[in-house]
Amino acid sequence: MNMALIENRTFAEIAVGDTASLVRELTYKDVEVFAAMSGDVNPMHVDAAFAKSDVFHRIVADGMWAAR
């Protein structure tokens, strides 16, 4: 696991053209926690047996995960 250092910048330190990114791997635990916190327990997100018969053939993350 690559643990990059996150550095904060003040507004005054940000310049036009600066960029930043954060990459994180989604785990099944993340999917479970999101389902519990949001109340969205759609079986395609939390039930492996159901998800096998779905269009993706596996558990998929809720689309709102990408919005965070």
PDB file of N, CA and C in Angstrom:
ATOM      1  N   MET A   1       0.849  -1.178   0.000  1.00  0.00           N
ATOM      2  CA  MET A   1       0.000   0.000   0.000  1.00  0.00           C
ATOM      3  C   MET A   1       0.895   1.241   0.000  1.00  0.00           C
ATOM      4  N   ASN A   2       0.659   2.125  -0.924  1.00  0.00           N
ATOM      5  CA  ASN A   2       1.437   3.353  -1.038  1.00  0.00           C
ATOM      6  C   ASN A   2       0.759   4.449  -0.222  1.00  0.00           C
ATOM      7  N   MET A   3       1.410   4.905   0.829  1.00  0.00           N
ATOM      8  CA  MET A   3       0.840   5.949   1.682  1.00  0.00           C
ATOM      9  C   MET A   3       1.516   7.277   1.354  1.00  0.00           C
ATOM     10  N   ALA A   4       0.872   8.073   0.525  1.00  0.00           N
ATOM     11  CA  ALA A   4       1.412   9.379   0.155  1.00  0.00           C
ATOM     12  C   ALA A   4       1.112  10.389   1.253  1.00  0.00           C
ATOM     13  N   LEU A   5       1.980  11.330   1.394  1.00  0.00           N
ATOM     14  CA  LEU A   5       1.797  12.394   2.366  1.00  0.00           C
ATOM     15  C   LEU A   5       0.838  13.443   1.800  1.00  0.00           C
ATOM     16  N   ILE A   6      -0.147  13.807   2.572  1.00  0.00           N
ATOM     17  CA  ILE A   6      -1.087  14.854   2.159  1.00  0.00           C
ATOM     18  C   ILE A   6      -0.638  16.156   2.797  1.00  0.00           C
ATOM     19  N   GLU A   7      -0.442  17.177   1.987  1.00  0.00           N
ATOM     20  CA  GLU A   7      -0.019  18.486   2.485  1.00  0.00           C
ATOM     21  C   GLU A   7      -1.140  19.487   2.275  1.00  0.00           C
ATOM     22  N   ASN A   8      -1.464  20.212   3.306  1.00  0.00           N
ATOM     23  CA  ASN A   8      -2.463  21.271   3.191  1.00  0.00           C
ATOM     24  C   ASN A   8      -1.811  22.547   2.676  1.00  0.00           C
ATOM     25  N   ARG A   9      -2.588  23.341   1.976  1.00  0.00           N
ATOM     26  CA  ARG A   9      -2.141  24.651   1.503  1.00  0.00           C
ATOM     27  C   ARG A   9      -3.178  25.675   1.904  1.00  0.00           C
ATOM     28  N   THR A  10      -2.719  26.850   2.225  1.00  0.00           N
ATOM     29  CA  THR A  10      -3.653  27.939   2.491  1.00  0.00           C
ATOM     30  C   THR A  10      -4.150  28.477   1.155  1.00  0.00           C
ATOM     31  N   PHE A  11      -5.233  29.219   1.176  1.00  0.00           N
ATOM     32  CA  PHE A  11      -5.767  29.803  -0.039  1.00  0.00           C
ATOM     33  C   PHE A  11      -4.710  30.658  -0.743  1.00  0.00           C
ATOM     34  N   ALA A  12      -3.930  31.409   0.031  1.00  0.00           N
ATOM     35  CA  ALA A  12      -2.902  32.288  -0.535  1.00  0.00           C
ATOM     36  C   ALA A  12      -1.788  31.506  -1.236  1.00  0.00           C
ATOM     37  N   GLU A  13      -1.588  30.253  -0.856  1.00  0.00           N
ATOM     38  CA  GLU A  13      -0.534  29.438  -1.460  1.00  0.00           C
ATOM     39  C   GLU A  13      -0.968  28.763  -2.755  1.00  0.00           C
ATOM     40  N   ILE A  14      -2.254  28.789  -3.062  1.00  0.00           N
ATOM     41  CA  ILE A  14      -2.750  28.150  -4.276  1.00  0.00           C
ATOM     42  C   ILE A  14      -2.594  29.112  -5.448  1.00  0.00           C
ATOM     43  N   ALA A  15      -2.020  28.596  -6.544  1.00  0.00           N
ATOM     44  CA  ALA A  15      -1.794  29.429  -7.729  1.00  0.00           C
ATOM     45  C   ALA A  15      -2.537  28.853  -8.923  1.00  0.00           C
ATOM     46  N   VAL A  16      -2.851  29.698  -9.882  1.00  0.00           N
ATOM     47  CA  VAL A  16      -3.476  29.264 -11.120  1.00  0.00           C
ATOM     48  C   VAL A  16      -2.580  28.218 -11.760  1.00  0.00           C
ATOM     49  N   GLY A  17      -3.160  27.104 -12.156  1.00  0.00           N
ATOM     50  CA  GLY A  17      -2.404  26.026 -12.793  1.00  0.00           C
ATOM     51  C   GLY A  17      -1.986  24.928 -11.824  1.00  0.00           C
ATOM     52  N   ASP A  18      -2.086  25.156 -10.518  1.00  0.00           N
ATOM     53  CA  ASP A  18      -1.778  24.109  -9.542  1.00  0.00           C
ATOM     54  C   ASP A  18      -2.774  22.971  -9.702  1.00  0.00           C
ATOM     55  N   THR A  19      -2.330  21.767  -9.432  1.00  0.00           N
ATOM     56  CA  THR A  19      -3.212  20.608  -9.488  1.00  0.00           C
ATOM     57  C   THR A  19      -3.020  19.755  -8.243  1.00  0.00           C
ATOM     58  N   ALA A  20      -3.995  18.916  -8.001  1.00  0.00           N
ATOM     59  CA  ALA A  20      -3.913  17.965  -6.895  1.00  0.00           C
ATOM     60  C   ALA A  20      -4.773  16.763  -7.245  1.00  0.00           C
ATOM     61  N   SER A  21      -4.440  15.633  -6.669  1.00  0.00           N
ATOM     62  CA  SER A  21      -5.259  14.438  -6.878  1.00  0.00           C
ATOM     63  C   SER A  21      -5.154  13.533  -5.660  1.00  0.00           C
ATOM     64  N   LEU A  22      -6.156  12.706  -5.527  1.00  0.00           N
ATOM     65  CA  LEU A  22      -6.184  11.726  -4.458  1.00  0.00           C
ATOM     66  C   LEU A  22      -6.744  10.453  -5.060  1.00  0.00           C
ATOM     67  N   VAL A  23      -6.015   9.358  -4.946  1.00  0.00           N
ATOM     68  CA  VAL A  23      -6.439   8.082  -5.497  1.00  0.00           C
ATOM     69  C   VAL A  23      -6.609   7.105  -4.343  1.00  0.00           C
ATOM     70  N   ARG A  24      -7.725   6.390  -4.350  1.00  0.00           N
ATOM     71  CA  ARG A  24      -8.000   5.445  -3.274  1.00  0.00           C
ATOM     72  C   ARG A  24      -8.697   4.236  -3.858  1.00  0.00           C
ATOM     73  N   GLU A  25      -8.334   3.047  -3.410  1.00  0.00           N
ATOM     74  CA  GLU A  25      -8.976   1.826  -3.875  1.00  0.00           C
ATOM     75  C   GLU A  25     -10.227   1.555  -3.041  1.00  0.00           C
ATOM     76  N   LEU A  26     -11.317   1.327  -3.714  1.00  0.00           N
ATOM     77  CA  LEU A  26     -12.579   1.019  -3.058  1.00  0.00           C
ATOM     78  C   LEU A  26     -12.554  -0.438  -2.606  1.00  0.00           C
ATOM     79  N   THR A  27     -12.869  -0.682  -1.344  1.00  0.00           N
ATOM     80  CA  THR A  27     -12.899  -2.039  -0.805  1.00  0.00           C
ATOM     81  C   THR A  27     -14.343  -2.454  -0.530  1.00  0.00           C
ATOM     82  N   TYR A  28     -14.554  -3.751  -0.322  1.00  0.00           N
ATOM     83  CA  TYR A  28     -15.893  -4.221   0.013  1.00  0.00           C
ATOM     84  C   TYR A  28     -16.346  -3.611   1.339  1.00  0.00           C
ATOM     85  N   LYS A  29     -15.434  -3.411   2.271  1.00  0.00           N
ATOM     86  CA  LYS A  29     -15.790  -2.780   3.547  1.00  0.00           C
ATOM     87  C   LYS A  29     -16.347  -1.377   3.298  1.00  0.00           C
ATOM     88  N   ASP A  30     -15.759  -0.627   2.370  1.00  0.00           N
ATOM     89  CA  ASP A  30     -16.266   0.697   2.006  1.00  0.00           C
ATOM     90  C   ASP A  30     -17.708   0.601   1.498  1.00  0.00           C
ATOM     91  N   VAL A  31     -17.973  -0.410   0.653  1.00  0.00           N
ATOM     92  CA  VAL A  31     -19.315  -0.610   0.105  1.00  0.00           C
ATOM     93  C   VAL A  31     -20.295  -0.909   1.237  1.00  0.00           C
ATOM     94  N   GLU A  32     -19.889  -1.778   2.168  1.00  0.00           N
ATOM     95  CA  GLU A  32     -20.751  -2.114   3.313  1.00  0.00           C
ATOM     96  C   GLU A  32     -21.052  -0.895   4.174  1.00  0.00           C
ATOM     97  N   VAL A  33     -20.021  -0.117   4.471  1.00  0.00           N
ATOM     98  CA  VAL A  33     -20.206   1.070   5.310  1.00  0.00           C
ATOM     99  C   VAL A  33     -21.098   2.091   4.607  1.00  0.00           C
ATOM    100  N   PHE A  34     -20.884   2.297   3.312  1.00  0.00           N
ATOM    101  CA  PHE A  34     -21.709   3.237   2.562  1.00  0.00           C
ATOM    102  C   PHE A  34     -23.170   2.791   2.584  1.00  0.00           C
ATOM    103  N   ALA A  35     -23.417   1.492   2.399  1.00  0.00           N
ATOM    104  CA  ALA A  35     -24.786   0.977   2.420  1.00  0.00           C
ATOM    105  C   ALA A  35     -25.427   1.220   3.783  1.00  0.00           C
ATOM    106  N   ALA A  36     -24.685   0.972   4.841  1.00  0.00           N
ATOM    107  CA  ALA A  36     -25.213   1.165   6.192  1.00  0.00           C
ATOM    108  C   ALA A  36     -25.487   2.640   6.473  1.00  0.00           C
ATOM    109  N   MET A  37     -24.596   3.509   6.086  1.00  0.00           N
ATOM    110  CA  MET A  37     -24.741   4.941   6.367  1.00  0.00           C
ATOM    111  C   MET A  37     -25.823   5.591   5.507  1.00  0.00           C
ATOM    112  N   SER A  38     -25.953   5.151   4.263  1.00  0.00           N
ATOM    113  CA  SER A  38     -26.928   5.774   3.359  1.00  0.00           C
ATOM    114  C   SER A  38     -28.308   5.126   3.447  1.00  0.00           C
ATOM    115  N   GLY A  39     -28.347   3.896   3.959  1.00  0.00           N
ATOM    116  CA  GLY A  39     -29.609   3.167   3.989  1.00  0.00           C
ATOM    117  C   GLY A  39     -29.922   2.482   2.668  1.00  0.00           C
ATOM    118  N   ASP A  40     -29.041   2.614   1.688  1.00  0.00           N
ATOM    119  CA  ASP A  40     -29.232   1.994   0.380  1.00  0.00           C
ATOM    120  C   ASP A  40     -28.637   0.586   0.431  1.00  0.00           C
ATOM    121  N   VAL A  41     -29.479  -0.385   0.709  1.00  0.00           N
ATOM    122  CA  VAL A  41     -29.015  -1.768   0.791  1.00  0.00           C
ATOM    123  C   VAL A  41     -29.483  -2.566  -0.431  1.00  0.00           C
ATOM    124  N   ASN A  42     -29.426  -1.928  -1.573  1.00  0.00           N
ATOM    125  CA  ASN A  42     -29.750  -2.575  -2.840  1.00  0.00           C
ATOM    126  C   ASN A  42     -28.912  -3.850  -2.932  1.00  0.00           C
ATOM    127  N   PRO A  43     -29.535  -5.000  -3.241  1.00  0.00           N
ATOM    128  CA  PRO A  43     -28.778  -6.252  -3.260  1.00  0.00           C
ATOM    129  C   PRO A  43     -27.624  -6.272  -4.260  1.00  0.00           C
ATOM    130  N   MET A  44     -27.668  -5.451  -5.291  1.00  0.00           N
ATOM    131  CA  MET A  44     -26.532  -5.438  -6.224  1.00  0.00           C
ATOM    132  C   MET A  44     -25.283  -4.821  -5.574  1.00  0.00           C
ATOM    133  N   HIS A  45     -25.472  -4.156  -4.427  1.00  0.00           N
ATOM    134  CA  HIS A  45     -24.349  -3.564  -3.705  1.00  0.00           C
ATOM    135  C   HIS A  45     -23.870  -4.429  -2.541  1.00  0.00           C
ATOM    136  N   VAL A  46     -24.735  -5.258  -1.990  1.00  0.00           N
ATOM    137  CA  VAL A  46     -24.372  -5.958  -0.755  1.00  0.00           C
ATOM    138  C   VAL A  46     -24.605  -7.466  -0.756  1.00  0.00           C
ATOM    139  N   ASP A  47     -25.256  -8.018  -1.764  1.00  0.00           N
ATOM    140  CA  ASP A  47     -25.578  -9.445  -1.783  1.00  0.00           C
ATOM    141  C   ASP A  47     -24.871 -10.127  -2.950  1.00  0.00           C
ATOM    142  N   ALA A  48     -23.797 -10.844  -2.651  1.00  0.00           N
ATOM    143  CA  ALA A  48     -22.970 -11.467  -3.697  1.00  0.00           C
ATOM    144  C   ALA A  48     -23.771 -12.468  -4.536  1.00  0.00           C
ATOM    145  N   ALA A  49     -24.646 -13.247  -3.903  1.00  0.00           N
ATOM    146  CA  ALA A  49     -25.435 -14.236  -4.644  1.00  0.00           C
ATOM    147  C   ALA A  49     -26.372 -13.549  -5.639  1.00  0.00           C
ATOM    148  N   PHE A  50     -27.048 -12.490  -5.195  1.00  0.00           N
ATOM    149  CA  PHE A  50     -27.920 -11.734  -6.096  1.00  0.00           C
ATOM    150  C   PHE A  50     -27.101 -11.078  -7.206  1.00  0.00           C
ATOM    151  N   ALA A  51     -25.983 -10.471  -6.832  1.00  0.00           N
ATOM    152  CA  ALA A  51     -25.173  -9.729  -7.797  1.00  0.00           C
ATOM    153  C   ALA A  51     -24.656 -10.619  -8.925  1.00  0.00           C
ATOM    154  N   LYS A  52     -24.429 -11.896  -8.652  1.00  0.00           N
ATOM    155  CA  LYS A  52     -23.969 -12.809  -9.709  1.00  0.00           C
ATOM    156  C   LYS A  52     -24.984 -12.920 -10.841  1.00  0.00           C
ATOM    157  N   SER A  53     -26.266 -12.734 -10.531  1.00  0.00           N
ATOM    158  CA  SER A  53     -27.305 -12.839 -11.553  1.00  0.00           C
ATOM    159  C   SER A  53     -27.615 -11.489 -12.204  1.00  0.00           C
ATOM    160  N   ASP A  54     -26.983 -10.441 -11.718  1.00  0.00           N
ATOM    161  CA  ASP A  54     -27.222  -9.094 -12.233  1.00  0.00           C
ATOM    162  C   ASP A  54     -26.371  -8.848 -13.475  1.00  0.00           C
ATOM    163  N   VAL A  55     -26.581  -7.743 -14.127  1.00  0.00           N
ATOM    164  CA  VAL A  55     -25.882  -7.407 -15.370  1.00  0.00           C
ATOM    165  C   VAL A  55     -24.358  -7.333 -15.208  1.00  0.00           C
ATOM    166  N   PHE A  56     -23.870  -6.955 -14.023  1.00  0.00           N
ATOM    167  CA  PHE A  56     -22.425  -6.837 -13.811  1.00  0.00           C
ATOM    168  C   PHE A  56     -21.795  -8.132 -13.305  1.00  0.00           C
ATOM    169  N   HIS A  57     -22.610  -9.078 -12.848  1.00  0.00           N
ATOM    170  CA  HIS A  57     -22.168 -10.396 -12.366  1.00  0.00           C
ATOM    171  C   HIS A  57     -21.268 -10.340 -11.136  1.00  0.00           C
ATOM    172  N   ARG A  58     -21.308  -9.250 -10.430  1.00  0.00           N
ATOM    173  CA  ARG A  58     -20.548  -9.108  -9.175  1.00  0.00           C
ATOM    174  C   ARG A  58     -21.082  -7.886  -8.433  1.00  0.00           C
ATOM    175  N   ILE A  59     -20.705  -7.767  -7.173  1.00  0.00           N
ATOM    176  CA  ILE A  59     -21.117  -6.607  -6.381  1.00  0.00           C
ATOM    177  C   ILE A  59     -20.499  -5.349  -6.992  1.00  0.00           C
ATOM    178  N   VAL A  60     -21.298  -4.313  -7.094  1.00  0.00           N
ATOM    179  CA  VAL A  60     -20.811  -3.020  -7.595  1.00  0.00           C
ATOM    180  C   VAL A  60     -21.077  -1.942  -6.539  1.00  0.00           C
ATOM    181  N   ALA A  61     -20.258  -0.931  -6.564  1.00  0.00           N
ATOM    182  CA  ALA A  61     -20.414   0.189  -5.628  1.00  0.00           C
ATOM    183  C   ALA A  61     -21.578   1.075  -6.064  1.00  0.00           C
ATOM    184  N   ASP A  62     -22.196   1.709  -5.106  1.00  0.00           N
ATOM    185  CA  ASP A  62     -23.252   2.675  -5.381  1.00  0.00           C
ATOM    186  C   ASP A  62     -22.657   3.807  -6.222  1.00  0.00           C
ATOM    187  N   GLY A  63     -23.405   4.296  -7.172  1.00  0.00           N
ATOM    188  CA  GLY A  63     -22.913   5.381  -8.037  1.00  0.00           C
ATOM    189  C   GLY A  63     -22.548   6.641  -7.271  1.00  0.00           C
ATOM    190  N   MET A  64     -23.160   6.858  -6.116  1.00  0.00           N
ATOM    191  CA  MET A  64     -22.840   8.046  -5.325  1.00  0.00           C
ATOM    192  C   MET A  64     -21.435   7.985  -4.729  1.00  0.00           C
ATOM    193  N   TRP A  65     -20.831   6.813  -4.730  1.00  0.00           N
ATOM    194  CA  TRP A  65     -19.459   6.708  -4.219  1.00  0.00           C
ATOM    195  C   TRP A  65     -18.543   7.668  -4.997  1.00  0.00           C
ATOM    196  N   ALA A  66     -18.764   7.773  -6.275  1.00  0.00           N
ATOM    197  CA  ALA A  66     -17.928   8.635  -7.116  1.00  0.00           C
ATOM    198  C   ALA A  66     -18.146  10.110  -6.827  1.00  0.00           C
ATOM    199  N   ALA A  67     -19.238  10.447  -6.177  1.00  0.00           N
ATOM    200  CA  ALA A  67     -19.551  11.850  -5.902  1.00  0.00           C
ATOM    201  C   ALA A  67     -18.883  12.371  -4.634  1.00  0.00           C
ATOM    202  N   ARG A  68     -18.291  11.508  -3.869  1.00  0.00           N
ATOM    203  CA  ARG A  68     -17.728  11.958  -2.612  1.00  0.00           C
ATOM    204  C   ARG A  68     -16.486  12.708  -2.770  1.00  0.00           C
TER     205      ARG A  68
END
